[in-house]
PDB file of N, CA and C in Angstrom:
ATOM      1  N   UNK A   1       1.023  -0.862  -0.131  1.00  0.00           N
ATOM      2  CA  UNK A   1      -0.056  -0.455  -0.236  1.00  0.00           C
ATOM      3  C   UNK A   1       0.819   2.003   0.105  1.00  0.00           C
ATOM      4  N   UNK A   2       0.497   2.182  -1.055  1.00  0.00           N
ATOM      5  CA  UNK A   2       1.236   3.316  -0.664  1.00  0.00           C
ATOM      6  C   UNK A   2       1.340   4.083   0.416  1.00  0.00           C
ATOM      7  N   UNK A   3       2.184   5.401   0.724  1.00  0.00           N
ATOM      8  CA  UNK A   3       1.538   6.046   1.905  1.00  0.00           C
ATOM      9  C   UNK A   3       1.237   7.160   1.426  1.00  0.00           C
ATOM     10  N   UNK A   4       0.126   7.151   2.960  1.00  0.00           N
ATOM     11  CA  UNK A   4      -1.072   9.129   2.115  1.00  0.00           C
ATOM     12  C   UNK A   4      -0.246   9.991   2.216  1.00  0.00           C
ATOM     13  N   UNK A   5      -0.857  11.496   1.999  1.00  0.00           N
ATOM     14  CA  UNK A   5       0.098  12.268   1.598  1.00  0.00           C
ATOM     15  C   UNK A   5       0.132  12.467   2.714  1.00  0.00           C
ATOM     16  N   UNK A   6       1.067  13.272   2.438  1.00  0.00           N
ATOM     17  CA  UNK A   6       1.390  13.971   4.678  1.00  0.00           C
ATOM     18  C   UNK A   6       1.355  15.375   5.073  1.00  0.00           C
ATOM     19  N   UNK A   7       0.613  16.058   5.816  1.00  0.00           N
ATOM     20  CA  UNK A   7       0.903  17.689   5.581  1.00  0.00           C
ATOM     21  C   UNK A   7       1.782  18.320   6.810  1.00  0.00           C
ATOM     22  N   UNK A   8       1.914  18.931   6.976  1.00  0.00           N
ATOM     23  CA  UNK A   8       3.079  20.116   7.780  1.00  0.00           C
ATOM     24  C   UNK A   8       2.340  21.283   8.624  1.00  0.00           C
ATOM     25  N   UNK A   9       1.913  21.376   9.780  1.00  0.00           N
ATOM     26  CA  UNK A   9       1.991  22.532   9.796  1.00  0.00           C
ATOM     27  C   UNK A   9       2.382  23.604  10.019  1.00  0.00           C
ATOM     28  N   UNK A  10       1.148  24.889   9.036  1.00  0.00           N
ATOM     29  CA  UNK A  10       2.670  25.487   8.208  1.00  0.00           C
ATOM     30  C   UNK A  10       1.832  27.171   9.092  1.00  0.00           C
ATOM     31  N   UNK A  11       2.487  28.241   9.750  1.00  0.00           N
ATOM     32  CA  UNK A  11       2.386  29.410   9.937  1.00  0.00           C
ATOM     33  C   UNK A  11       1.249  30.164   9.012  1.00  0.00           C
ATOM     34  N   UNK A  12       0.831  29.952   7.782  1.00  0.00           N
ATOM     35  CA  UNK A  12       0.517  30.407   7.195  1.00  0.00           C
ATOM     36  C   UNK A  12      -1.281  29.254   7.177  1.00  0.00           C
ATOM     37  N   UNK A  13      -1.979  30.381   7.186  1.00  0.00           N
ATOM     38  CA  UNK A  13      -3.400  28.871   7.090  1.00  0.00           C
ATOM     39  C   UNK A  13      -4.099  29.247   5.515  1.00  0.00           C
ATOM     40  N   UNK A  14      -3.049  29.603   4.875  1.00  0.00           N
ATOM     41  CA  UNK A  14      -3.617  28.641   3.077  1.00  0.00           C
ATOM     42  C   UNK A  14      -3.091  27.929   3.133  1.00  0.00           C
ATOM     43  N   UNK A  15      -1.617  27.704   3.334  1.00  0.00           N
ATOM     44  CA  UNK A  15      -0.931  26.664   2.975  1.00  0.00           C
ATOM     45  C   UNK A  15      -1.294  25.526   3.929  1.00  0.00           C
ATOM     46  N   UNK A  16      -1.695  25.234   4.816  1.00  0.00           N
ATOM     47  CA  UNK A  16      -2.570  24.833   6.099  1.00  0.00           C
ATOM     48  C   UNK A  16      -3.902  23.712   4.550  1.00  0.00           C
ATOM     49  N   UNK A  17      -4.588  24.830   4.267  1.00  0.00           N
ATOM     50  CA  UNK A  17      -5.625  24.822   3.395  1.00  0.00           C
ATOM     51  C   UNK A  17      -5.811  24.042   1.969  1.00  0.00           C
ATOM     52  N   UNK A  18      -4.608  24.175   1.560  1.00  0.00           N
ATOM     53  CA  UNK A  18      -4.162  23.734   0.031  1.00  0.00           C
ATOM     54  C   UNK A  18      -3.966  22.461   0.601  1.00  0.00           C
ATOM     55  N   UNK A  19      -2.914  22.634   1.387  1.00  0.00           N
ATOM     56  CA  UNK A  19      -2.434  20.697   2.446  1.00  0.00           C
ATOM     57  C   UNK A  19      -3.904  19.898   2.422  1.00  0.00           C
ATOM     58  N   UNK A  20      -4.871  20.009   3.253  1.00  0.00           N
ATOM     59  CA  UNK A  20      -5.717  19.635   3.046  1.00  0.00           C
ATOM     60  C   UNK A  20      -6.779  19.366   2.273  1.00  0.00           C
ATOM     61  N   UNK A  21      -6.365  20.366   1.251  1.00  0.00           N
ATOM     62  CA  UNK A  21      -7.296  20.061  -0.195  1.00  0.00           C
ATOM     63  C   UNK A  21      -6.823  19.040  -0.649  1.00  0.00           C
ATOM     64  N   UNK A  22      -5.846  19.331  -0.663  1.00  0.00           N
ATOM     65  CA  UNK A  22      -4.221  17.530  -1.825  1.00  0.00           C
ATOM     66  C   UNK A  22      -4.873  16.271  -0.805  1.00  0.00           C
ATOM     67  N   UNK A  23      -4.519  16.469   0.675  1.00  0.00           N
ATOM     68  CA  UNK A  23      -4.750  15.469   1.069  1.00  0.00           C
ATOM     69  C   UNK A  23      -6.575  14.598   1.126  1.00  0.00           C
ATOM     70  N   UNK A  24      -7.217  15.503   0.919  1.00  0.00           N
ATOM     71  CA  UNK A  24      -8.506  14.818   0.085  1.00  0.00           C
ATOM     72  C   UNK A  24      -8.655  14.627  -0.958  1.00  0.00           C
ATOM     73  N   UNK A  25      -8.125  15.188  -1.979  1.00  0.00           N
ATOM     74  CA  UNK A  25      -8.141  14.524  -3.268  1.00  0.00           C
ATOM     75  C   UNK A  25      -6.694  13.388  -3.587  1.00  0.00           C
ATOM     76  N   UNK A  26      -5.673  12.784  -3.138  1.00  0.00           N
ATOM     77  CA  UNK A  26      -4.684  12.282  -3.483  1.00  0.00           C
ATOM     78  C   UNK A  26      -5.372  10.527  -1.829  1.00  0.00           C
ATOM     79  N   UNK A  27      -5.431  11.118  -0.946  1.00  0.00           N
ATOM     80  CA  UNK A  27      -5.187   9.977   0.055  1.00  0.00           C
ATOM     81  C   UNK A  27      -6.885   8.953  -0.094  1.00  0.00           C
ATOM     82  N   UNK A  28      -8.248   9.461  -0.783  1.00  0.00           N
ATOM     83  CA  UNK A  28      -8.317   8.175  -1.241  1.00  0.00           C
ATOM     84  C   UNK A  28      -7.923   7.165  -2.452  1.00  0.00           C
ATOM     85  N   UNK A  29      -7.384   7.357  -3.322  1.00  0.00           N
ATOM     86  CA  UNK A  29      -6.410   6.913  -4.383  1.00  0.00           C
ATOM     87  C   UNK A  29      -5.618   6.429  -3.878  1.00  0.00           C
ATOM     88  N   UNK A  30      -4.553   6.873  -3.705  1.00  0.00           N
ATOM     89  CA  UNK A  30      -3.408   5.735  -2.647  1.00  0.00           C
ATOM     90  C   UNK A  30      -3.922   5.342  -1.676  1.00  0.00           C
ATOM     91  N   UNK A  31      -5.071   4.848  -1.143  1.00  0.00           N
ATOM     92  CA  UNK A  31      -5.443   3.618  -0.324  1.00  0.00           C
ATOM     93  C   UNK A  31      -6.055   2.280  -1.223  1.00  0.00           C
ATOM     94  N   UNK A  32      -6.479   2.953  -1.977  1.00  0.00           N
ATOM     95  CA  UNK A  32      -7.689   2.288  -2.804  1.00  0.00           C
ATOM     96  C   UNK A  32      -6.799   0.666  -2.803  1.00  0.00           C
ATOM     97  N   UNK A  33      -7.800  -0.124  -2.435  1.00  0.00           N
ATOM     98  CA  UNK A  33      -8.042  -1.648  -2.663  1.00  0.00           C
ATOM     99  C   UNK A  33      -7.042  -2.271  -3.300  1.00  0.00           C
ATOM    100  N   UNK A  34      -6.977  -1.621  -4.476  1.00  0.00           N
ATOM    101  CA  UNK A  34      -6.217  -2.583  -6.149  1.00  0.00           C
ATOM    102  C   UNK A  34      -4.831  -1.948  -5.927  1.00  0.00           C
ATOM    103  N   UNK A  35      -4.554  -0.603  -4.920  1.00  0.00           N
ATOM    104  CA  UNK A  35      -2.601  -0.810  -4.728  1.00  0.00           C
ATOM    105  C   UNK A  35      -2.564  -1.453  -3.957  1.00  0.00           C
ATOM    106  N   UNK A  36      -2.618  -2.599  -3.047  1.00  0.00           N
ATOM    107  CA  UNK A  36      -2.608  -3.320  -2.282  1.00  0.00           C
ATOM    108  C   UNK A  36      -1.970  -4.345  -2.558  1.00  0.00           C
ATOM    109  N   UNK A  37      -1.310  -4.759  -3.385  1.00  0.00           N
ATOM    110  CA  UNK A  37      -1.074  -6.106  -4.365  1.00  0.00           C
ATOM    111  C   UNK A  37       0.269  -6.416  -3.927  1.00  0.00           C
ATOM    112  N   UNK A  38      -0.173  -7.480  -4.603  1.00  0.00           N
ATOM    113  CA  UNK A  38       1.431  -8.511  -5.304  1.00  0.00           C
ATOM    114  C   UNK A  38       0.893  -9.263  -6.227  1.00  0.00           C
ATOM    115  N   UNK A  39       2.086  -9.090  -8.005  1.00  0.00           N
ATOM    116  CA  UNK A  39       2.406  -9.621  -8.965  1.00  0.00           C
ATOM    117  C   UNK A  39       3.012 -11.994  -8.410  1.00  0.00           C
ATOM    118  N   UNK A  40       2.196 -12.687  -9.200  1.00  0.00           N
ATOM    119  CA  UNK A  40       2.957 -13.382  -8.837  1.00  0.00           C
ATOM    120  C   UNK A  40       3.282 -13.770 -10.847  1.00  0.00           C
ATOM    121  N   UNK A  41       4.770 -13.852 -10.625  1.00  0.00           N
ATOM    122  CA  UNK A  41       5.012 -14.310 -12.192  1.00  0.00           C
ATOM    123  C   UNK A  41       5.251 -15.719 -12.931  1.00  0.00           C
ATOM    124  N   UNK A  42       4.770 -15.825 -13.525  1.00  0.00           N
ATOM    125  CA  UNK A  42       5.420 -16.778 -14.321  1.00  0.00           C
ATOM    126  C   UNK A  42       4.822 -18.401 -13.737  1.00  0.00           C
ATOM    127  N   UNK A  43       3.910 -18.415 -12.858  1.00  0.00           N
ATOM    128  CA  UNK A  43       2.727 -19.499 -12.847  1.00  0.00           C
ATOM    129  C   UNK A  43       2.691 -19.607 -13.828  1.00  0.00           C
ATOM    130  N   UNK A  44       3.225 -21.580 -13.260  1.00  0.00           N
ATOM    131  CA  UNK A  44       2.944 -22.625 -14.554  1.00  0.00           C
ATOM    132  C   UNK A  44       0.757 -23.135 -14.251  1.00  0.00           C
ATOM    133  N   UNK A  45       0.446 -23.524 -14.514  1.00  0.00           N
ATOM    134  CA  UNK A  45      -1.551 -23.994 -14.390  1.00  0.00           C
ATOM    135  C   UNK A  45      -1.112 -24.595 -15.202  1.00  0.00           C
ATOM    136  N   UNK A  46      -1.879 -25.913 -14.124  1.00  0.00           N
ATOM    137  CA  UNK A  46      -2.152 -27.335 -15.376  1.00  0.00           C
ATOM    138  C   UNK A  46      -3.639 -27.394 -15.401  1.00  0.00           C
ATOM    139  N   UNK A  47      -4.383 -28.315 -16.073  1.00  0.00           N
ATOM    140  CA  UNK A  47      -5.407 -28.998 -16.431  1.00  0.00           C
ATOM    141  C   UNK A  47      -6.026 -28.438 -14.909  1.00  0.00           C
ATOM    142  N   UNK A  48      -7.209 -28.263 -14.697  1.00  0.00           N
ATOM    143  CA  UNK A  48      -8.256 -29.460 -12.919  1.00  0.00           C
ATOM    144  C   UNK A  48      -7.597 -26.896 -12.649  1.00  0.00           C
ATOM    145  N   UNK A  49      -7.726 -27.245 -11.833  1.00  0.00           N
ATOM    146  CA  UNK A  49      -7.625 -26.411  -9.728  1.00  0.00           C
ATOM    147  C   UNK A  49      -5.765 -26.399  -9.372  1.00  0.00           C
ATOM    148  N   UNK A  50      -5.005 -25.513  -9.085  1.00  0.00           N
ATOM    149  CA  UNK A  50      -4.747 -25.287  -9.048  1.00  0.00           C
ATOM    150  C   UNK A  50      -3.944 -23.945  -7.293  1.00  0.00           C
ATOM    151  N   UNK A  51      -4.432 -24.331  -7.270  1.00  0.00           N
ATOM    152  CA  UNK A  51      -2.980 -23.524  -5.772  1.00  0.00           C
ATOM    153  C   UNK A  51      -2.232 -22.707  -5.358  1.00  0.00           C
ATOM    154  N   UNK A  52      -2.474 -21.514  -5.141  1.00  0.00           N
ATOM    155  CA  UNK A  52      -1.933 -20.371  -6.438  1.00  0.00           C
ATOM    156  C   UNK A  52      -1.003 -19.935  -5.044  1.00  0.00           C
ATOM    157  N   UNK A  53      -0.139 -19.662  -4.108  1.00  0.00           N
ATOM    158  CA  UNK A  53      -0.118 -19.057  -2.977  1.00  0.00           C
ATOM    159  C   UNK A  53       0.218 -16.575  -3.592  1.00  0.00           C
ATOM    160  N   UNK A  54      -0.825 -16.861  -2.909  1.00  0.00           N
ATOM    161  CA  UNK A  54      -0.602 -14.672  -3.915  1.00  0.00           C
ATOM    162  C   UNK A  54      -0.234 -13.995  -3.025  1.00  0.00           C
ATOM    163  N   UNK A  55       0.216 -14.379  -1.791  1.00  0.00           N
ATOM    164  CA  UNK A  55       1.193 -13.982  -0.765  1.00  0.00           C
ATOM    165  C   UNK A  55       1.611 -11.839  -0.070  1.00  0.00           C
ATOM    166  N   UNK A  56       0.098 -11.745   0.201  1.00  0.00           N
ATOM    167  CA  UNK A  56      -0.394 -10.584   0.398  1.00  0.00           C
ATOM    168  C   UNK A  56      -0.317 -10.064   1.665  1.00  0.00           C
ATOM    169  N   UNK A  57      -0.467 -11.838   2.233  1.00  0.00           N
ATOM    170  CA  UNK A  57      -0.458 -12.047   4.049  1.00  0.00           C
ATOM    171  C   UNK A  57      -2.878 -12.488   4.916  1.00  0.00           C
ATOM    172  N   UNK A  58      -3.748 -12.200   3.434  1.00  0.00           N
ATOM    173  CA  UNK A  58      -4.823 -11.683   4.161  1.00  0.00           C
ATOM    174  C   UNK A  58      -5.797 -11.768   2.830  1.00  0.00           C
ATOM    175  N   UNK A  59      -6.897 -12.079   2.346  1.00  0.00           N
ATOM    176  CA  UNK A  59      -7.755 -12.783   1.351  1.00  0.00           C
ATOM    177  C   UNK A  59      -7.799 -12.015   0.743  1.00  0.00           C
ATOM    178  N   UNK A  60      -7.582 -12.055  -0.921  1.00  0.00           N
ATOM    179  CA  UNK A  60      -7.619 -11.679  -1.761  1.00  0.00           C
ATOM    180  C   UNK A  60      -8.472 -11.051  -2.662  1.00  0.00           C
ATOM    181  N   UNK A  61      -9.148  -9.785  -2.960  1.00  0.00           N
ATOM    182  CA  UNK A  61     -10.721  -8.920  -2.957  1.00  0.00           C
ATOM    183  C   UNK A  61     -10.971  -9.459  -4.052  1.00  0.00           C
ATOM    184  N   UNK A  62      -9.268  -9.466  -5.536  1.00  0.00           N
ATOM    185  CA  UNK A  62      -9.676 -10.018  -6.893  1.00  0.00           C
ATOM    186  C   UNK A  62      -8.101 -10.056  -7.658  1.00  0.00           C
ATOM    187  N   UNK A  63      -7.962 -10.550  -8.703  1.00  0.00           N
ATOM    188  CA  UNK A  63      -7.228 -10.787  -8.979  1.00  0.00           C
ATOM    189  C   UNK A  63      -7.126 -10.864 -10.819  1.00  0.00           C
ATOM    190  N   UNK A  64      -6.034 -11.317 -11.233  1.00  0.00           N
ATOM    191  CA  UNK A  64      -5.588 -10.096 -13.037  1.00  0.00           C
ATOM    192  C   UNK A  64      -4.773 -10.787 -13.227  1.00  0.00           C
ATOM    193  N   UNK A  65      -5.530 -11.976 -14.905  1.00  0.00           N
ATOM    194  CA  UNK A  65      -4.307 -12.068 -15.225  1.00  0.00           C
ATOM    195  C   UNK A  65      -3.720 -11.421 -16.317  1.00  0.00           C
ATOM    196  N   UNK A  66      -2.690 -10.805 -15.748  1.00  0.00           N
ATOM    197  CA  UNK A  66      -2.256  -9.951 -16.051  1.00  0.00           C
ATOM    198  C   UNK A  66      -0.915  -9.888 -17.817  1.00  0.00           C
ATOM    199  N   UNK A  67      -0.095 -11.313 -17.817  1.00  0.00           N
ATOM    200  CA  UNK A  67      -0.176 -11.835 -19.106  1.00  0.00           C
ATOM    201  C   UNK A  67      -0.117 -13.189 -18.899  1.00  0.00           C
ATOM    202  N   UNK A  68      -0.013 -13.559 -19.971  1.00  0.00           N
ATOM    203  CA  UNK A  68      -1.017 -14.820 -20.794  1.00  0.00           C
ATOM    204  C   UNK A  68      -0.105 -15.876 -21.895  1.00  0.00           C
ATOM    205  N   UNK A  69       0.413 -16.604 -21.605  1.00  0.00           N
ATOM    206  CA  UNK A  69       1.307 -16.975 -22.330  1.00  0.00           C
ATOM    207  C   UNK A  69       1.390 -18.903 -23.584  1.00  0.00           C
ATOM    208  N   UNK A  70      -0.108 -18.404 -24.052  1.00  0.00           N
ATOM    209  CA  UNK A  70      -1.184 -19.419 -24.364  1.00  0.00           C
ATOM    210  C   UNK A  70      -2.270 -19.021 -24.322  1.00  0.00           C
ATOM    211  N   UNK A  71      -3.466 -20.469 -24.963  1.00  0.00           N
ATOM    212  CA  UNK A  71      -4.659 -19.883 -24.528  1.00  0.00           C
ATOM    213  C   UNK A  71      -5.090 -20.359 -22.947  1.00  0.00           C
ATOM    214  N   UNK A  72      -5.744 -19.853 -22.909  1.00  0.00           N
ATOM    215  CA  UNK A  72      -7.033 -20.756 -21.754  1.00  0.00           C
ATOM    216  C   UNK A  72      -8.300 -19.738 -21.072  1.00  0.00           C
ATOM    217  N   UNK A  73      -8.915 -20.427 -20.039  1.00  0.00           N
ATOM    218  CA  UNK A  73      -9.502 -19.342 -19.527  1.00  0.00           C
ATOM    219  C   UNK A  73     -10.236 -20.128 -17.747  1.00  0.00           C
ATOM    220  N   UNK A  74     -10.088 -19.228 -17.674  1.00  0.00           N
ATOM    221  CA  UNK A  74      -9.882 -19.375 -15.877  1.00  0.00           C
ATOM    222  C   UNK A  74     -10.797 -18.760 -15.464  1.00  0.00           C
ATOM    223  N   UNK A  75     -10.975 -19.662 -13.350  1.00  0.00           N
ATOM    224  CA  UNK A  75     -12.110 -19.016 -13.084  1.00  0.00           C
ATOM    225  C   UNK A  75     -11.440 -19.460 -11.238  1.00  0.00           C
ATOM    226  N   UNK A  76     -11.562 -18.320 -10.694  1.00  0.00           N
ATOM    227  CA  UNK A  76     -11.508 -19.476  -9.105  1.00  0.00           C
ATOM    228  C   UNK A  76     -11.821 -19.815  -8.186  1.00  0.00           C
ATOM    229  N   UNK A  77     -11.359 -21.045  -7.503  1.00  0.00           N
ATOM    230  CA  UNK A  77     -12.893 -20.992  -6.554  1.00  0.00           C
ATOM    231  C   UNK A  77     -12.579 -20.818  -4.952  1.00  0.00           C
ATOM    232  N   UNK A  78     -12.457 -19.732  -4.654  1.00  0.00           N
ATOM    233  CA  UNK A  78     -12.523 -19.154  -3.691  1.00  0.00           C
ATOM    234  C   UNK A  78     -13.642 -18.851  -2.267  1.00  0.00           C
ATOM    235  N   UNK A  79     -14.693 -19.860  -2.850  1.00  0.00           N
ATOM    236  CA  UNK A  79     -15.950 -19.458  -1.886  1.00  0.00           C
ATOM    237  C   UNK A  79     -15.739 -21.252  -1.263  1.00  0.00           C
ATOM    238  N   UNK A  80     -15.264 -21.836  -1.201  1.00  0.00           N
ATOM    239  CA  UNK A  80     -15.287 -23.019  -1.947  1.00  0.00           C
ATOM    240  C   UNK A  80     -13.602 -23.217  -1.003  1.00  0.00           C
ATOM    241  N   UNK A  81     -12.650 -22.460  -0.749  1.00  0.00           N
ATOM    242  CA  UNK A  81     -10.816 -22.383  -0.387  1.00  0.00           C
ATOM    243  C   UNK A  81     -11.236 -22.085   1.019  1.00  0.00           C
ATOM    244  N   UNK A  82     -11.101 -23.658   1.443  1.00  0.00           N
ATOM    245  CA  UNK A  82     -10.219 -22.709   2.871  1.00  0.00           C
ATOM    246  C   UNK A  82      -9.291 -22.565   4.256  1.00  0.00           C
ATOM    247  N   UNK A  83      -8.679 -21.766   2.688  1.00  0.00           N
ATOM    248  CA  UNK A  83      -7.667 -20.843   3.481  1.00  0.00           C
ATOM    249  C   UNK A  83      -6.933 -19.611   2.595  1.00  0.00           C
ATOM    250  N   UNK A  84      -7.944 -19.235   2.550  1.00  0.00           N
ATOM    251  CA  UNK A  84      -7.868 -17.709   1.668  1.00  0.00           C
ATOM    252  C   UNK A  84      -7.540 -16.900   2.038  1.00  0.00           C
ATOM    253  N   UNK A  85      -6.766 -16.811   2.788  1.00  0.00           N
ATOM    254  CA  UNK A  85      -5.576 -15.695   3.354  1.00  0.00           C
ATOM    255  C   UNK A  85      -4.221 -16.012   2.475  1.00  0.00           C
ATOM    256  N   UNK A  86      -4.255 -17.506   2.692  1.00  0.00           N
ATOM    257  CA  UNK A  86      -3.273 -17.112   1.813  1.00  0.00           C
ATOM    258  C   UNK A  86      -2.390 -18.557   0.805  1.00  0.00           C
ATOM    259  N   UNK A  87      -3.955 -18.272   0.208  1.00  0.00           N
ATOM    260  CA  UNK A  87      -3.381 -18.896  -0.892  1.00  0.00           C
ATOM    261  C   UNK A  87      -4.613 -19.041  -2.093  1.00  0.00           C
ATOM    262  N   UNK A  88      -5.177 -18.613  -2.940  1.00  0.00           N
ATOM    263  CA  UNK A  88      -6.048 -18.321  -3.516  1.00  0.00           C
ATOM    264  C   UNK A  88      -6.323 -20.757  -4.562  1.00  0.00           C
ATOM    265  N   UNK A  89      -7.601 -20.563  -4.984  1.00  0.00           N
ATOM    266  CA  UNK A  89      -7.749 -22.115  -6.145  1.00  0.00           C
ATOM    267  C   UNK A  89      -7.953 -21.398  -7.475  1.00  0.00           C
ATOM    268  N   UNK A  90      -7.302 -21.464  -8.540  1.00  0.00           N
ATOM    269  CA  UNK A  90      -7.835 -21.389 -10.179  1.00  0.00           C
ATOM    270  C   UNK A  90      -8.250 -22.478 -10.809  1.00  0.00           C
ATOM    271  N   UNK A  91      -8.413 -22.767 -11.164  1.00  0.00           N
ATOM    272  CA  UNK A  91      -9.492 -22.907 -12.299  1.00  0.00           C
ATOM    273  C   UNK A  91      -8.989 -23.326 -13.754  1.00  0.00           C
ATOM    274  N   UNK A  92      -8.212 -24.303 -14.679  1.00  0.00           N
ATOM    275  CA  UNK A  92      -7.414 -23.763 -15.857  1.00  0.00           C
ATOM    276  C   UNK A  92      -8.409 -24.797 -16.563  1.00  0.00           C
ATOM    277  N   UNK A  93      -8.671 -24.861 -17.805  1.00  0.00           N
ATOM    278  CA  UNK A  93      -9.447 -24.925 -18.975  1.00  0.00           C
ATOM    279  C   UNK A  93      -7.764 -25.485 -20.103  1.00  0.00           C
ATOM    280  N   UNK A  94      -6.418 -25.081 -19.458  1.00  0.00           N
ATOM    281  CA  UNK A  94      -5.559 -25.266 -20.678  1.00  0.00           C
ATOM    282  C   UNK A  94      -4.076 -25.070 -19.721  1.00  0.00           C
ATOM    283  N   UNK A  95      -3.054 -25.889 -19.880  1.00  0.00           N
ATOM    284  CA  UNK A  95      -1.648 -25.819 -18.924  1.00  0.00           C
ATOM    285  C   UNK A  95      -1.418 -24.825 -19.708  1.00  0.00           C
ATOM    286  N   UNK A  96      -1.456 -23.997 -19.109  1.00  0.00           N
ATOM    287  CA  UNK A  96      -0.555 -22.811 -19.243  1.00  0.00           C
ATOM    288  C   UNK A  96       0.045 -21.748 -18.244  1.00  0.00           C
ATOM    289  N   UNK A  97       1.116 -21.043 -18.675  1.00  0.00           N
ATOM    290  CA  UNK A  97       2.186 -19.890 -18.277  1.00  0.00           C
ATOM    291  C   UNK A  97       1.527 -18.870 -17.957  1.00  0.00           C
ATOM    292  N   UNK A  98       1.289 -17.447 -16.372  1.00  0.00           N
ATOM    293  CA  UNK A  98       0.512 -16.817 -16.081  1.00  0.00           C
ATOM    294  C   UNK A  98       1.444 -16.144 -15.694  1.00  0.00           C
ATOM    295  N   UNK A  99       1.141 -13.876 -15.693  1.00  0.00           N
ATOM    296  CA  UNK A  99       1.320 -13.879 -14.048  1.00  0.00           C
ATOM    297  C   UNK A  99       0.170 -12.793 -13.789  1.00  0.00           C
ATOM    298  N   UNK A 100      -0.147 -13.036 -12.838  1.00  0.00           N
ATOM    299  CA  UNK A 100      -0.362 -12.623 -12.138  1.00  0.00           C
ATOM    300  C   UNK A 100      -0.916 -11.506 -11.416  1.00  0.00           C
ATOM    301  N   UNK A 101      -1.657 -10.906 -10.860  1.00  0.00           N
ATOM    302  CA  UNK A 101      -2.341  -8.903  -9.765  1.00  0.00           C
ATOM    303  C   UNK A 101      -3.399 -10.245  -8.839  1.00  0.00           C
ATOM    304  N   UNK A 102      -2.979  -9.846  -7.560  1.00  0.00           N
ATOM    305  CA  UNK A 102      -3.207 -10.512  -6.294  1.00  0.00           C
ATOM    306  C   UNK A 102      -3.359  -8.729  -5.871  1.00  0.00           C
ATOM    307  N   UNK A 103      -5.152  -8.365  -5.934  1.00  0.00           N
ATOM    308  CA  UNK A 103      -5.304  -7.367  -4.584  1.00  0.00           C
ATOM    309  C   UNK A 103      -6.014  -7.848  -3.250  1.00  0.00           C
TER     310      UNK A 103
END
């Protein structure tokens, strides 16, 4: 996760107001869930269920295939996953290597 916009206490009230406006605009973006992520590169998937360690330390909100080195369709089985804080179960219809973005 990215750090929040930090302000400092200035003697000029206009500078303080400007900092507050910048913080109000940037902090929701900087703390967006999609920016608390991990990328798993070169993950080999086999046909059927694949257990992938997402390394987030919490259950993922979602995931995106950011590179696919061959044809294939995928879906997750998180609704029945007993260990969502450490891994994700991805079902693949083909053997393919992918890069995955977990957030």
